[in-house]
């Protein structure tokens, strides 16, 4: 089981309550929600920041470049976007197979 961070580095300004966060954003995903939340806790992300909660294939956190570095220092696996897409495809196939009773 693993946590992954991609290298999207998309520039964006994101509202966060009364302030905004400007930076270059990436995705942090994991094999399981438990691992994803554990990494979020470890690097100081609020669990309320999760994207697509409840969907085991697409759950992720958007992280800034500094948070990505923290995640890597804490054990996350850095990947290029295409590699993370392949991980997501495998998760999707496993999810669909389990849902349809094939595994």
PDB file of N, CA and C in Angstrom:
ATOM      1  N   UNK A   1       0.841  -1.179   0.000  1.00  0.00           N
ATOM      2  CA  UNK A   1       0.000   0.000   0.000  1.00  0.00           C
ATOM      3  C   UNK A   1       0.885   1.240   0.000  1.00  0.00           C
ATOM      4  N   UNK A   2       0.429   2.272  -0.738  1.00  0.00           N
ATOM      5  CA  UNK A   2       1.279   3.450  -0.905  1.00  0.00           C
ATOM      6  C   UNK A   2       0.476   4.728  -1.061  1.00  0.00           C
ATOM      7  N   UNK A   3       1.194   5.837  -0.871  1.00  0.00           N
ATOM      8  CA  UNK A   3       0.679   7.185  -1.133  1.00  0.00           C
ATOM      9  C   UNK A   3       1.524   7.751  -2.262  1.00  0.00           C
ATOM     10  N   UNK A   4       0.885   8.469  -3.170  1.00  0.00           N
ATOM     11  CA  UNK A   4       1.557   8.986  -4.365  1.00  0.00           C
ATOM     12  C   UNK A   4       1.294  10.477  -4.511  1.00  0.00           C
ATOM     13  N   UNK A   5       2.250  11.199  -5.083  1.00  0.00           N
ATOM     14  CA  UNK A   5       2.045  12.602  -5.450  1.00  0.00           C
ATOM     15  C   UNK A   5       2.513  12.800  -6.887  1.00  0.00           C
ATOM     16  N   UNK A   6       1.695  13.500  -7.673  1.00  0.00           N
ATOM     17  CA  UNK A   6       2.084  13.735  -9.062  1.00  0.00           C
ATOM     18  C   UNK A   6       2.856  15.039  -9.197  1.00  0.00           C
ATOM     19  N   UNK A   7       3.206  15.344 -10.431  1.00  0.00           N
ATOM     20  CA  UNK A   7       4.013  16.535 -10.718  1.00  0.00           C
ATOM     21  C   UNK A   7       3.261  17.530 -11.590  1.00  0.00           C
ATOM     22  N   UNK A   8       1.953  17.664 -11.345  1.00  0.00           N
ATOM     23  CA  UNK A   8       1.146  18.532 -12.199  1.00  0.00           C
ATOM     24  C   UNK A   8       1.597  19.994 -12.106  1.00  0.00           C
ATOM     25  N   UNK A   9       1.848  20.501 -10.917  1.00  0.00           N
ATOM     26  CA  UNK A   9       2.291  21.881 -10.688  1.00  0.00           C
ATOM     27  C   UNK A   9       1.429  22.907 -11.437  1.00  0.00           C
ATOM     28  N   UNK A  10       0.124  22.794 -11.271  1.00  0.00           N
ATOM     29  CA  UNK A  10      -0.811  23.737 -11.905  1.00  0.00           C
ATOM     30  C   UNK A  10      -0.945  24.984 -11.035  1.00  0.00           C
ATOM     31  N   UNK A  11      -0.687  26.135 -11.640  1.00  0.00           N
ATOM     32  CA  UNK A  11      -0.800  27.395 -10.912  1.00  0.00           C
ATOM     33  C   UNK A  11      -2.276  27.723 -10.715  1.00  0.00           C
ATOM     34  N   UNK A  12      -2.606  28.061  -9.460  1.00  0.00           N
ATOM     35  CA  UNK A  12      -3.991  28.410  -9.151  1.00  0.00           C
ATOM     36  C   UNK A  12      -4.039  29.209  -7.854  1.00  0.00           C
ATOM     37  N   UNK A  13      -5.110  29.977  -7.723  1.00  0.00           N
ATOM     38  CA  UNK A  13      -5.411  30.694  -6.490  1.00  0.00           C
ATOM     39  C   UNK A  13      -6.698  30.080  -5.960  1.00  0.00           C
ATOM     40  N   UNK A  14      -6.610  29.528  -4.752  1.00  0.00           N
ATOM     41  CA  UNK A  14      -7.721  28.758  -4.186  1.00  0.00           C
ATOM     42  C   UNK A  14      -8.236  29.444  -2.929  1.00  0.00           C
ATOM     43  N   UNK A  15      -9.563  29.687  -2.868  1.00  0.00           N
ATOM     44  CA  UNK A  15     -10.119  30.295  -1.660  1.00  0.00           C
ATOM     45  C   UNK A  15     -10.018  29.343  -0.468  1.00  0.00           C
ATOM     46  N   UNK A  16      -9.727  29.905   0.709  1.00  0.00           N
ATOM     47  CA  UNK A  16      -9.655  29.134   1.940  1.00  0.00           C
ATOM     48  C   UNK A  16     -10.206  30.019   3.055  1.00  0.00           C
ATOM     49  N   UNK A  17     -11.516  30.010   3.186  1.00  0.00           N
ATOM     50  CA  UNK A  17     -12.159  30.883   4.163  1.00  0.00           C
ATOM     51  C   UNK A  17     -12.011  32.335   3.749  1.00  0.00           C
ATOM     52  N   UNK A  18     -11.482  33.161   4.637  1.00  0.00           N
ATOM     53  CA  UNK A  18     -11.333  34.590   4.369  1.00  0.00           C
ATOM     54  C   UNK A  18     -10.070  34.912   3.576  1.00  0.00           C
ATOM     55  N   UNK A  19      -9.237  33.918   3.329  1.00  0.00           N
ATOM     56  CA  UNK A  19      -7.991  34.167   2.588  1.00  0.00           C
ATOM     57  C   UNK A  19      -7.929  33.273   1.357  1.00  0.00           C
ATOM     58  N   UNK A  20      -6.895  33.466   0.572  1.00  0.00           N
ATOM     59  CA  UNK A  20      -6.681  32.610  -0.588  1.00  0.00           C
ATOM     60  C   UNK A  20      -5.276  32.019  -0.510  1.00  0.00           C
ATOM     61  N   UNK A  21      -5.125  30.874  -1.152  1.00  0.00           N
ATOM     62  CA  UNK A  21      -3.822  30.215  -1.217  1.00  0.00           C
ATOM     63  C   UNK A  21      -3.400  30.192  -2.672  1.00  0.00           C
ATOM     64  N   UNK A  22      -2.291  30.820  -2.957  1.00  0.00           N
ATOM     65  CA  UNK A  22      -1.763  30.874  -4.311  1.00  0.00           C
ATOM     66  C   UNK A  22      -0.571  29.934  -4.388  1.00  0.00           C
ATOM     67  N   UNK A  23      -0.505  29.162  -5.455  1.00  0.00           N
ATOM     68  CA  UNK A  23       0.634  28.264  -5.584  1.00  0.00           C
ATOM     69  C   UNK A  23       0.528  27.363  -6.785  1.00  0.00           C
ATOM     70  N   UNK A  24       1.435  26.419  -6.817  1.00  0.00           N
ATOM     71  CA  UNK A  24       1.437  25.389  -7.844  1.00  0.00           C
ATOM     72  C   UNK A  24       0.921  24.117  -7.182  1.00  0.00           C
ATOM     73  N   UNK A  25      -0.127  23.547  -7.759  1.00  0.00           N
ATOM     74  CA  UNK A  25      -0.859  22.458  -7.124  1.00  0.00           C
ATOM     75  C   UNK A  25      -0.611  21.126  -7.812  1.00  0.00           C
ATOM     76  N   UNK A  26      -0.619  20.082  -7.003  1.00  0.00           N
ATOM     77  CA  UNK A  26      -0.455  18.697  -7.459  1.00  0.00           C
ATOM     78  C   UNK A  26      -1.528  17.848  -6.779  1.00  0.00           C
ATOM     79  N   UNK A  27      -1.579  16.573  -7.139  1.00  0.00           N
ATOM     80  CA  UNK A  27      -2.514  15.640  -6.521  1.00  0.00           C
ATOM     81  C   UNK A  27      -1.771  14.682  -5.599  1.00  0.00           C
ATOM     82  N   UNK A  28      -2.393  14.369  -4.470  1.00  0.00           N
ATOM     83  CA  UNK A  28      -1.896  13.325  -3.590  1.00  0.00           C
ATOM     84  C   UNK A  28      -2.988  12.269  -3.485  1.00  0.00           C
ATOM     85  N   UNK A  29      -2.657  11.050  -3.855  1.00  0.00           N
ATOM     86  CA  UNK A  29      -3.594   9.936  -3.832  1.00  0.00           C
ATOM     87  C   UNK A  29      -2.956   8.775  -3.090  1.00  0.00           C
ATOM     88  N   UNK A  30      -3.746   7.753  -2.803  1.00  0.00           N
ATOM     89  CA  UNK A  30      -3.220   6.583  -2.102  1.00  0.00           C
ATOM     90  C   UNK A  30      -4.016   5.350  -2.515  1.00  0.00           C
ATOM     91  N   UNK A  31      -3.488   4.206  -2.132  1.00  0.00           N
ATOM     92  CA  UNK A  31      -4.182   2.958  -2.420  1.00  0.00           C
ATOM     93  C   UNK A  31      -5.468   2.837  -1.613  1.00  0.00           C
ATOM     94  N   UNK A  32      -5.488   3.424  -0.408  1.00  0.00           N
ATOM     95  CA  UNK A  32      -6.687   3.371   0.435  1.00  0.00           C
ATOM     96  C   UNK A  32      -6.950   4.740   1.055  1.00  0.00           C
ATOM     97  N   UNK A  33      -8.179   4.966   1.458  1.00  0.00           N
ATOM     98  CA  UNK A  33      -8.550   6.212   2.129  1.00  0.00           C
ATOM     99  C   UNK A  33      -7.809   6.340   3.453  1.00  0.00           C
ATOM    100  N   UNK A  34      -7.629   5.236   4.146  1.00  0.00           N
ATOM    101  CA  UNK A  34      -6.937   5.267   5.429  1.00  0.00           C
ATOM    102  C   UNK A  34      -5.503   5.782   5.257  1.00  0.00           C
ATOM    103  N   UNK A  35      -4.806   5.292   4.248  1.00  0.00           N
ATOM    104  CA  UNK A  35      -3.438   5.747   3.984  1.00  0.00           C
ATOM    105  C   UNK A  35      -3.418   7.223   3.582  1.00  0.00           C
ATOM    106  N   UNK A  36      -4.391   7.599   2.779  1.00  0.00           N
ATOM    107  CA  UNK A  36      -4.469   8.982   2.318  1.00  0.00           C
ATOM    108  C   UNK A  36      -4.671   9.929   3.496  1.00  0.00           C
ATOM    109  N   UNK A  37      -5.620   9.594   4.367  1.00  0.00           N
ATOM    110  CA  UNK A  37      -5.876  10.439   5.531  1.00  0.00           C
ATOM    111  C   UNK A  37      -4.697  10.432   6.504  1.00  0.00           C
ATOM    112  N   UNK A  38      -4.046   9.292   6.664  1.00  0.00           N
ATOM    113  CA  UNK A  38      -2.879   9.222   7.555  1.00  0.00           C
ATOM    114  C   UNK A  38      -1.770  10.143   7.055  1.00  0.00           C
ATOM    115  N   UNK A  39      -1.554  10.169   5.747  1.00  0.00           N
ATOM    116  CA  UNK A  39      -0.528  11.057   5.195  1.00  0.00           C
ATOM    117  C   UNK A  39      -0.951  12.517   5.360  1.00  0.00           C
ATOM    118  N   UNK A  40      -2.218  12.806   5.132  1.00  0.00           N
ATOM    119  CA  UNK A  40      -2.708  14.177   5.327  1.00  0.00           C
ATOM    120  C   UNK A  40      -2.444  14.626   6.762  1.00  0.00           C
ATOM    121  N   UNK A  41      -2.734  13.756   7.720  1.00  0.00           N
ATOM    122  CA  UNK A  41      -2.476  14.082   9.121  1.00  0.00           C
ATOM    123  C   UNK A  41      -0.979  14.320   9.354  1.00  0.00           C
ATOM    124  N   UNK A  42      -0.167  13.458   8.767  1.00  0.00           N
ATOM    125  CA  UNK A  42       1.285  13.522   8.977  1.00  0.00           C
ATOM    126  C   UNK A  42       1.891  14.826   8.453  1.00  0.00           C
ATOM    127  N   UNK A  43       1.361  15.329   7.333  1.00  0.00           N
ATOM    128  CA  UNK A  43       1.948  16.532   6.731  1.00  0.00           C
ATOM    129  C   UNK A  43       1.181  17.811   7.063  1.00  0.00           C
ATOM    130  N   UNK A  44       0.121  17.678   7.860  1.00  0.00           N
ATOM    131  CA  UNK A  44      -0.592  18.860   8.334  1.00  0.00           C
ATOM    132  C   UNK A  44      -1.722  19.358   7.460  1.00  0.00           C
ATOM    133  N   UNK A  45      -2.307  18.483   6.646  1.00  0.00           N
ATOM    134  CA  UNK A  45      -3.483  18.873   5.857  1.00  0.00           C
ATOM    135  C   UNK A  45      -4.746  18.572   6.646  1.00  0.00           C
ATOM    136  N   UNK A  46      -5.711  19.438   6.559  1.00  0.00           N
ATOM    137  CA  UNK A  46      -7.007  19.168   7.173  1.00  0.00           C
ATOM    138  C   UNK A  46      -7.733  18.105   6.357  1.00  0.00           C
ATOM    139  N   UNK A  47      -8.350  17.177   7.033  1.00  0.00           N
ATOM    140  CA  UNK A  47      -9.104  16.132   6.318  1.00  0.00           C
ATOM    141  C   UNK A  47     -10.277  16.723   5.534  1.00  0.00           C
ATOM    142  N   UNK A  48     -10.748  17.877   5.951  1.00  0.00           N
ATOM    143  CA  UNK A  48     -11.856  18.519   5.234  1.00  0.00           C
ATOM    144  C   UNK A  48     -11.443  18.984   3.839  1.00  0.00           C
ATOM    145  N   UNK A  49     -10.149  18.996   3.549  1.00  0.00           N
ATOM    146  CA  UNK A  49      -9.665  19.421   2.233  1.00  0.00           C
ATOM    147  C   UNK A  49      -9.754  18.314   1.181  1.00  0.00           C
ATOM    148  N   UNK A  50     -10.173  17.119   1.569  1.00  0.00           N
ATOM    149  CA  UNK A  50     -10.202  16.013   0.615  1.00  0.00           C
ATOM    150  C   UNK A  50     -11.115  16.337  -0.564  1.00  0.00           C
ATOM    151  N   UNK A  51     -10.716  15.891  -1.722  1.00  0.00           N
ATOM    152  CA  UNK A  51     -11.489  16.058  -2.951  1.00  0.00           C
ATOM    153  C   UNK A  51     -12.140  14.721  -3.310  1.00  0.00           C
ATOM    154  N   UNK A  52     -13.354  14.759  -3.802  1.00  0.00           N
ATOM    155  CA  UNK A  52     -14.117  13.567  -4.198  1.00  0.00           C
ATOM    156  C   UNK A  52     -14.269  12.571  -3.048  1.00  0.00           C
ATOM    157  N   UNK A  53     -14.613  13.042  -1.838  1.00  0.00           N
ATOM    158  CA  UNK A  53     -14.738  12.113  -0.712  1.00  0.00           C
ATOM    159  C   UNK A  53     -15.813  11.060  -0.968  1.00  0.00           C
ATOM    160  N   UNK A  54     -15.536   9.856  -0.512  1.00  0.00           N
ATOM    161  CA  UNK A  54     -16.496   8.767  -0.669  1.00  0.00           C
ATOM    162  C   UNK A  54     -16.341   7.979  -1.953  1.00  0.00           C
ATOM    163  N   UNK A  55     -15.534   8.468  -2.879  1.00  0.00           N
ATOM    164  CA  UNK A  55     -15.316   7.716  -4.123  1.00  0.00           C
ATOM    165  C   UNK A  55     -13.923   7.097  -4.073  1.00  0.00           C
ATOM    166  N   UNK A  56     -13.847   5.784  -3.876  1.00  0.00           N
ATOM    167  CA  UNK A  56     -12.548   5.138  -3.660  1.00  0.00           C
ATOM    168  C   UNK A  56     -11.550   5.269  -4.809  1.00  0.00           C
ATOM    169  N   UNK A  57     -12.011   5.580  -5.984  1.00  0.00           N
ATOM    170  CA  UNK A  57     -11.092   5.718  -7.119  1.00  0.00           C
ATOM    171  C   UNK A  57     -10.540   7.142  -7.214  1.00  0.00           C
ATOM    172  N   UNK A  58     -11.365   8.133  -6.957  1.00  0.00           N
ATOM    173  CA  UNK A  58     -10.981   9.513  -7.225  1.00  0.00           C
ATOM    174  C   UNK A  58     -10.680  10.360  -5.994  1.00  0.00           C
ATOM    175  N   UNK A  59     -10.777   9.794  -4.793  1.00  0.00           N
ATOM    176  CA  UNK A  59     -10.440  10.554  -3.595  1.00  0.00           C
ATOM    177  C   UNK A  59      -8.991  11.005  -3.673  1.00  0.00           C
ATOM    178  N   UNK A  60      -8.775  12.272  -3.360  1.00  0.00           N
ATOM    179  CA  UNK A  60      -7.405  12.795  -3.364  1.00  0.00           C
ATOM    180  C   UNK A  60      -7.375  14.125  -2.619  1.00  0.00           C
ATOM    181  N   UNK A  61      -6.179  14.570  -2.351  1.00  0.00           N
ATOM    182  CA  UNK A  61      -5.965  15.914  -1.829  1.00  0.00           C
ATOM    183  C   UNK A  61      -5.208  16.697  -2.893  1.00  0.00           C
ATOM    184  N   UNK A  62      -5.584  17.955  -3.070  1.00  0.00           N
ATOM    185  CA  UNK A  62      -4.782  18.870  -3.871  1.00  0.00           C
ATOM    186  C   UNK A  62      -3.745  19.449  -2.923  1.00  0.00           C
ATOM    187  N   UNK A  63      -2.484  19.384  -3.310  1.00  0.00           N
ATOM    188  CA  UNK A  63      -1.407  19.866  -2.442  1.00  0.00           C
ATOM    189  C   UNK A  63      -0.522  20.849  -3.196  1.00  0.00           C
ATOM    190  N   UNK A  64      -0.022  21.832  -2.474  1.00  0.00           N
ATOM    191  CA  UNK A  64       0.913  22.791  -3.051  1.00  0.00           C
ATOM    192  C   UNK A  64       2.301  22.151  -3.146  1.00  0.00           C
ATOM    193  N   UNK A  65       3.168  22.812  -3.879  1.00  0.00           N
ATOM    194  CA  UNK A  65       4.533  22.306  -4.042  1.00  0.00           C
ATOM    195  C   UNK A  65       5.203  22.030  -2.678  1.00  0.00           C
ATOM    196  N   UNK A  66       5.113  22.966  -1.698  1.00  0.00           N
ATOM    197  CA  UNK A  66       5.741  22.666  -0.402  1.00  0.00           C
ATOM    198  C   UNK A  66       5.107  21.458   0.304  1.00  0.00           C
ATOM    199  N   UNK A  67       3.786  21.308   0.203  1.00  0.00           N
ATOM    200  CA  UNK A  67       3.126  20.144   0.817  1.00  0.00           C
ATOM    201  C   UNK A  67       3.526  18.858   0.094  1.00  0.00           C
ATOM    202  N   UNK A  68       3.706  18.934  -1.217  1.00  0.00           N
ATOM    203  CA  UNK A  68       4.179  17.776  -1.975  1.00  0.00           C
ATOM    204  C   UNK A  68       5.546  17.342  -1.448  1.00  0.00           C
ATOM    205  N   UNK A  69       6.423  18.317  -1.227  1.00  0.00           N
ATOM    206  CA  UNK A  69       7.757  18.006  -0.688  1.00  0.00           C
ATOM    207  C   UNK A  69       7.656  17.369   0.695  1.00  0.00           C
ATOM    208  N   UNK A  70       6.742  17.869   1.528  1.00  0.00           N
ATOM    209  CA  UNK A  70       6.531  17.267   2.853  1.00  0.00           C
ATOM    210  C   UNK A  70       6.064  15.818   2.722  1.00  0.00           C
ATOM    211  N   UNK A  71       5.132  15.596   1.793  1.00  0.00           N
ATOM    212  CA  UNK A  71       4.606  14.241   1.597  1.00  0.00           C
ATOM    213  C   UNK A  71       5.720  13.291   1.156  1.00  0.00           C
ATOM    214  N   UNK A  72       6.560  13.740   0.239  1.00  0.00           N
ATOM    215  CA  UNK A  72       7.670  12.900  -0.227  1.00  0.00           C
ATOM    216  C   UNK A  72       8.623  12.610   0.936  1.00  0.00           C
ATOM    217  N   UNK A  73       8.924  13.625   1.725  1.00  0.00           N
ATOM    218  CA  UNK A  73       9.799  13.427   2.891  1.00  0.00           C
ATOM    219  C   UNK A  73       9.183  12.447   3.885  1.00  0.00           C
ATOM    220  N   UNK A  74       7.850  12.382   3.917  1.00  0.00           N
ATOM    221  CA  UNK A  74       7.142  11.483   4.827  1.00  0.00           C
ATOM    222  C   UNK A  74       6.887  10.107   4.223  1.00  0.00           C
ATOM    223  N   UNK A  75       7.364   9.885   2.982  1.00  0.00           N
ATOM    224  CA  UNK A  75       7.252   8.552   2.394  1.00  0.00           C
ATOM    225  C   UNK A  75       6.380   8.415   1.160  1.00  0.00           C
ATOM    226  N   UNK A  76       5.743   9.498   0.714  1.00  0.00           N
ATOM    227  CA  UNK A  76       4.942   9.412  -0.505  1.00  0.00           C
ATOM    228  C   UNK A  76       5.853   9.186  -1.707  1.00  0.00           C
ATOM    229  N   UNK A  77       5.327   8.530  -2.703  1.00  0.00           N
ATOM    230  CA  UNK A  77       6.087   8.201  -3.911  1.00  0.00           C
ATOM    231  C   UNK A  77       5.828   9.264  -4.974  1.00  0.00           C
ATOM    232  N   UNK A  78       6.875   9.985  -5.400  1.00  0.00           N
ATOM    233  CA  UNK A  78       6.676  10.990  -6.466  1.00  0.00           C
ATOM    234  C   UNK A  78       6.501  10.296  -7.809  1.00  0.00           C
ATOM    235  N   UNK A  79       5.576  10.801  -8.601  1.00  0.00           N
ATOM    236  CA  UNK A  79       5.286  10.225  -9.915  1.00  0.00           C
ATOM    237  C   UNK A  79       5.008  11.336 -10.911  1.00  0.00           C
ATOM    238  N   UNK A  80       5.249  11.036 -12.181  1.00  0.00           N
ATOM    239  CA  UNK A  80       4.761  11.949 -13.203  1.00  0.00           C
ATOM    240  C   UNK A  80       3.258  11.705 -13.339  1.00  0.00           C
ATOM    241  N   UNK A  81       2.562  12.668 -13.910  1.00  0.00           N
ATOM    242  CA  UNK A  81       1.103  12.576 -13.999  1.00  0.00           C
ATOM    243  C   UNK A  81       0.644  11.301 -14.690  1.00  0.00           C
ATOM    244  N   UNK A  82       1.337  10.891 -15.739  1.00  0.00           N
ATOM    245  CA  UNK A  82       0.924   9.681 -16.465  1.00  0.00           C
ATOM    246  C   UNK A  82       1.041   8.435 -15.600  1.00  0.00           C
ATOM    247  N   UNK A  83       2.057   8.386 -14.750  1.00  0.00           N
ATOM    248  CA  UNK A  83       2.194   7.240 -13.847  1.00  0.00           C
ATOM    249  C   UNK A  83       1.035   7.199 -12.856  1.00  0.00           C
ATOM    250  N   UNK A  84       0.673   8.349 -12.313  1.00  0.00           N
ATOM    251  CA  UNK A  84      -0.432   8.386 -11.367  1.00  0.00           C
ATOM    252  C   UNK A  84      -1.748   8.042 -12.067  1.00  0.00           C
ATOM    253  N   UNK A  85      -1.877   8.425 -13.312  1.00  0.00           N
ATOM    254  CA  UNK A  85      -3.067   8.044 -14.084  1.00  0.00           C
ATOM    255  C   UNK A  85      -3.160   6.529 -14.217  1.00  0.00           C
ATOM    256  N   UNK A  86      -2.031   5.866 -14.393  1.00  0.00           N
ATOM    257  CA  UNK A  86      -2.018   4.401 -14.492  1.00  0.00           C
ATOM    258  C   UNK A  86      -2.417   3.765 -13.161  1.00  0.00           C
ATOM    259  N   UNK A  87      -1.966   4.341 -12.046  1.00  0.00           N
ATOM    260  CA  UNK A  87      -2.369   3.846 -10.729  1.00  0.00           C
ATOM    261  C   UNK A  87      -3.872   3.990 -10.574  1.00  0.00           C
ATOM    262  N   UNK A  88      -4.400   5.150 -10.958  1.00  0.00           N
ATOM    263  CA  UNK A  88      -5.841   5.396 -10.860  1.00  0.00           C
ATOM    264  C   UNK A  88      -6.621   4.427 -11.744  1.00  0.00           C
ATOM    265  N   UNK A  89      -6.103   4.142 -12.927  1.00  0.00           N
ATOM    266  CA  UNK A  89      -6.782   3.187 -13.825  1.00  0.00           C
ATOM    267  C   UNK A  89      -6.848   1.805 -13.182  1.00  0.00           C
ATOM    268  N   UNK A  90      -5.783   1.376 -12.554  1.00  0.00           N
ATOM    269  CA  UNK A  90      -5.779   0.082 -11.868  1.00  0.00           C
ATOM    270  C   UNK A  90      -6.793   0.068 -10.725  1.00  0.00           C
ATOM    271  N   UNK A  91      -6.845   1.163  -9.968  1.00  0.00           N
ATOM    272  CA  UNK A  91      -7.820   1.263  -8.884  1.00  0.00           C
ATOM    273  C   UNK A  91      -9.244   1.200  -9.434  1.00  0.00           C
ATOM    274  N   UNK A  92      -9.479   1.893 -10.539  1.00  0.00           N
ATOM    275  CA  UNK A  92     -10.812   1.901 -11.147  1.00  0.00           C
ATOM    276  C   UNK A  92     -11.208   0.508 -11.599  1.00  0.00           C
ATOM    277  N   UNK A  93     -10.277  -0.212 -12.246  1.00  0.00           N
ATOM    278  CA  UNK A  93     -10.570  -1.564 -12.712  1.00  0.00           C
ATOM    279  C   UNK A  93     -10.868  -2.500 -11.542  1.00  0.00           C
ATOM    280  N   UNK A  94     -10.094  -2.404 -10.471  1.00  0.00           N
ATOM    281  CA  UNK A  94     -10.319  -3.233  -9.285  1.00  0.00           C
ATOM    282  C   UNK A  94     -11.663  -2.892  -8.628  1.00  0.00           C
ATOM    283  N   UNK A  95     -11.977  -1.600  -8.556  1.00  0.00           N
ATOM    284  CA  UNK A  95     -13.238  -1.161  -7.975  1.00  0.00           C
ATOM    285  C   UNK A  95     -14.419  -1.708  -8.778  1.00  0.00           C
ATOM    286  N   UNK A  96     -14.355  -1.578 -10.099  1.00  0.00           N
ATOM    287  CA  UNK A  96     -15.450  -2.052 -10.947  1.00  0.00           C
ATOM    288  C   UNK A  96     -15.589  -3.560 -10.884  1.00  0.00           C
ATOM    289  N   UNK A  97     -14.467  -4.264 -10.859  1.00  0.00           N
ATOM    290  CA  UNK A  97     -14.515  -5.723 -10.774  1.00  0.00           C
ATOM    291  C   UNK A  97     -15.145  -6.156  -9.449  1.00  0.00           C
ATOM    292  N   UNK A  98     -14.750  -5.506  -8.358  1.00  0.00           N
ATOM    293  CA  UNK A  98     -15.311  -5.844  -7.050  1.00  0.00           C
ATOM    294  C   UNK A  98     -16.798  -5.508  -7.009  1.00  0.00           C
ATOM    295  N   UNK A  99     -17.150  -4.370  -7.550  1.00  0.00           N
ATOM    296  CA  UNK A  99     -18.555  -3.943  -7.561  1.00  0.00           C
ATOM    297  C   UNK A  99     -19.417  -4.910  -8.354  1.00  0.00           C
ATOM    298  N   UNK A 100     -18.876  -5.402  -9.453  1.00  0.00           N
ATOM    299  CA  UNK A 100     -19.621  -6.300 -10.326  1.00  0.00           C
ATOM    300  C   UNK A 100     -19.468  -7.762  -9.931  1.00  0.00           C
ATOM    301  N   UNK A 101     -18.774  -8.014  -8.810  1.00  0.00           N
ATOM    302  CA  UNK A 101     -18.629  -9.389  -8.321  1.00  0.00           C
ATOM    303  C   UNK A 101     -17.663 -10.237  -9.098  1.00  0.00           C
ATOM    304  N   UNK A 102     -16.709  -9.604  -9.783  1.00  0.00           N
ATOM    305  CA  UNK A 102     -15.754 -10.361 -10.603  1.00  0.00           C
ATOM    306  C   UNK A 102     -14.513 -10.761  -9.821  1.00  0.00           C
ATOM    307  N   UNK A 103     -14.305 -10.161  -8.642  1.00  0.00           N
ATOM    308  CA  UNK A 103     -13.122 -10.512  -7.831  1.00  0.00           C
ATOM    309  C   UNK A 103     -13.538 -10.931  -6.461  1.00  0.00           C
TER     310      UNK A 103
END
